[in-house]
C-alpha atoms as a PDB file:
ATOM      1  CA  UNK A   1      -1.690   6.297   9.319  1.00  0.00           C
ATOM      2  CA  UNK A   2      -3.443   6.956   6.245  1.00  0.00           C
ATOM      3  CA  UNK A   3      -2.260   5.850   2.744  1.00  0.00           C
ATOM      4  CA  UNK A   4      -2.688   6.432  -1.001  1.00  0.00           C
ATOM      5  CA  UNK A   5      -2.275   2.863  -2.009  1.00  0.00           C
ATOM      6  CA  UNK A   6      -5.855   2.490  -3.442  1.00  0.00           C
ATOM      7  CA  UNK A   7      -5.743   5.612  -5.345  1.00  0.00           C
ATOM      8  CA  UNK A   8      -2.300   4.815  -6.863  1.00  0.00           C
ATOM      9  CA  UNK A   9      -3.242   1.108  -7.399  1.00  0.00           C
ATOM     10  CA  UNK A  10      -6.388   1.991  -9.360  1.00  0.00           C
ATOM     11  CA  UNK A  11      -4.458   4.657 -11.447  1.00  0.00           C
ATOM     12  CA  UNK A  12      -2.014   1.905 -12.473  1.00  0.00           C
ATOM     13  CA  UNK A  13      -4.887  -0.481 -13.376  1.00  0.00           C
ATOM     14  CA  UNK A  14      -4.081  -2.907 -10.656  1.00  0.00           C
ATOM     15  CA  UNK A  15      -6.453  -5.049  -8.683  1.00  0.00           C
ATOM     16  CA  UNK A  16      -5.943  -5.722  -5.017  1.00  0.00           C
ATOM     17  CA  UNK A  17      -5.136  -9.262  -6.131  1.00  0.00           C
ATOM     18  CA  UNK A  18      -2.517  -8.364  -8.635  1.00  0.00           C
ATOM     19  CA  UNK A  19      -0.821  -6.015  -6.249  1.00  0.00           C
ATOM     20  CA  UNK A  20      -0.790  -8.760  -3.691  1.00  0.00           C
ATOM     21  CA  UNK A  21       0.720 -11.170  -6.071  1.00  0.00           C
ATOM     22  CA  UNK A  22       3.450  -8.816  -6.949  1.00  0.00           C
ATOM     23  CA  UNK A  23       4.172  -8.189  -3.246  1.00  0.00           C
ATOM     24  CA  UNK A  24       3.961 -12.036  -2.434  1.00  0.00           C
ATOM     25  CA  UNK A  25       1.076 -11.477   0.129  1.00  0.00           C
ATOM     26  CA  UNK A  26      -2.458 -12.438   0.115  1.00  0.00           C
ATOM     27  CA  UNK A  27      -5.263  -9.917  -1.203  1.00  0.00           C
ATOM     28  CA  UNK A  28      -6.648  -9.501   2.294  1.00  0.00           C
ATOM     29  CA  UNK A  29      -3.344  -7.962   3.366  1.00  0.00           C
ATOM     30  CA  UNK A  30      -3.613  -5.294   0.749  1.00  0.00           C
ATOM     31  CA  UNK A  31      -7.278  -4.801   1.683  1.00  0.00           C
ATOM     32  CA  UNK A  32      -6.468  -4.338   5.336  1.00  0.00           C
ATOM     33  CA  UNK A  33      -3.583  -1.882   4.578  1.00  0.00           C
ATOM     34  CA  UNK A  34      -5.810   0.168   2.220  1.00  0.00           C
ATOM     35  CA  UNK A  35      -8.534   0.388   4.938  1.00  0.00           C
ATOM     36  CA  UNK A  36      -5.996   1.283   7.685  1.00  0.00           C
ATOM     37  CA  UNK A  37      -6.622  -1.974   9.649  1.00  0.00           C
ATOM     38  CA  UNK A  38      -2.946  -3.154   9.250  1.00  0.00           C
ATOM     39  CA  UNK A  39       0.299  -1.285   8.972  1.00  0.00           C
ATOM     40  CA  UNK A  40       2.723  -3.084   6.704  1.00  0.00           C
ATOM     41  CA  UNK A  41       6.273  -4.035   7.584  1.00  0.00           C
ATOM     42  CA  UNK A  42       8.955  -1.668   6.263  1.00  0.00           C
ATOM     43  CA  UNK A  43       9.926  -4.318   3.637  1.00  0.00           C
ATOM     44  CA  UNK A  44       6.221  -4.652   2.442  1.00  0.00           C
ATOM     45  CA  UNK A  45       5.885  -0.831   2.309  1.00  0.00           C
ATOM     46  CA  UNK A  46       8.923  -0.540   0.075  1.00  0.00           C
ATOM     47  CA  UNK A  47       7.646  -3.389  -2.163  1.00  0.00           C
ATOM     48  CA  UNK A  48       4.369  -1.552  -2.627  1.00  0.00           C
ATOM     49  CA  UNK A  49       6.047   1.769  -3.270  1.00  0.00           C
ATOM     50  CA  UNK A  50       8.378   0.199  -6.025  1.00  0.00           C
ATOM     51  CA  UNK A  51       5.435  -1.522  -7.650  1.00  0.00           C
ATOM     52  CA  UNK A  52       3.337   1.565  -7.697  1.00  0.00           C
ATOM     53  CA  UNK A  53       6.373   3.614  -8.811  1.00  0.00           C
ATOM     54  CA  UNK A  54       6.393   6.014  -5.895  1.00  0.00           C
ATOM     55  CA  UNK A  55       8.328   6.689  -2.663  1.00  0.00           C
ATOM     56  CA  UNK A  56       7.301   5.344   0.656  1.00  0.00           C
ATOM     57  CA  UNK A  57       6.943   8.796   2.168  1.00  0.00           C
ATOM     58  CA  UNK A  58       4.564   9.623  -0.701  1.00  0.00           C
ATOM     59  CA  UNK A  59       2.558   6.504  -0.148  1.00  0.00           C
ATOM     60  CA  UNK A  60       1.857   6.773   3.498  1.00  0.00           C
ATOM     61  CA  UNK A  61       0.526   9.979   5.205  1.00  0.00           C
ATOM     62  CA  UNK A  62       1.407  10.282   8.883  1.00  0.00           C
ATOM     63  CA  UNK A  63      -0.788  12.780  10.839  1.00  0.00           C
ATOM     64  CA  UNK A  64       0.989  13.177  14.119  1.00  0.00           C
ATOM     65  CA  UNK A  65      -1.313  13.519  17.136  1.00  0.00           C
ATOM     66  CA  UNK A  66      -1.382  16.945  18.540  1.00  0.00           C
END
């Protein structure tokens, strides 16, 4: 599942560290999510969306297998 976290985070002027702090996770978690190495919990996805002022379905891009 792809995401737009990095793009939206940079547009808001946030570092991975500052987003992680706001979400109460470590910076490595944000890095792993941005690089599609880790899928966040639903709770974390909603936290990220709230902080980035977007909706979860606009934050994550699901490309279903054909």
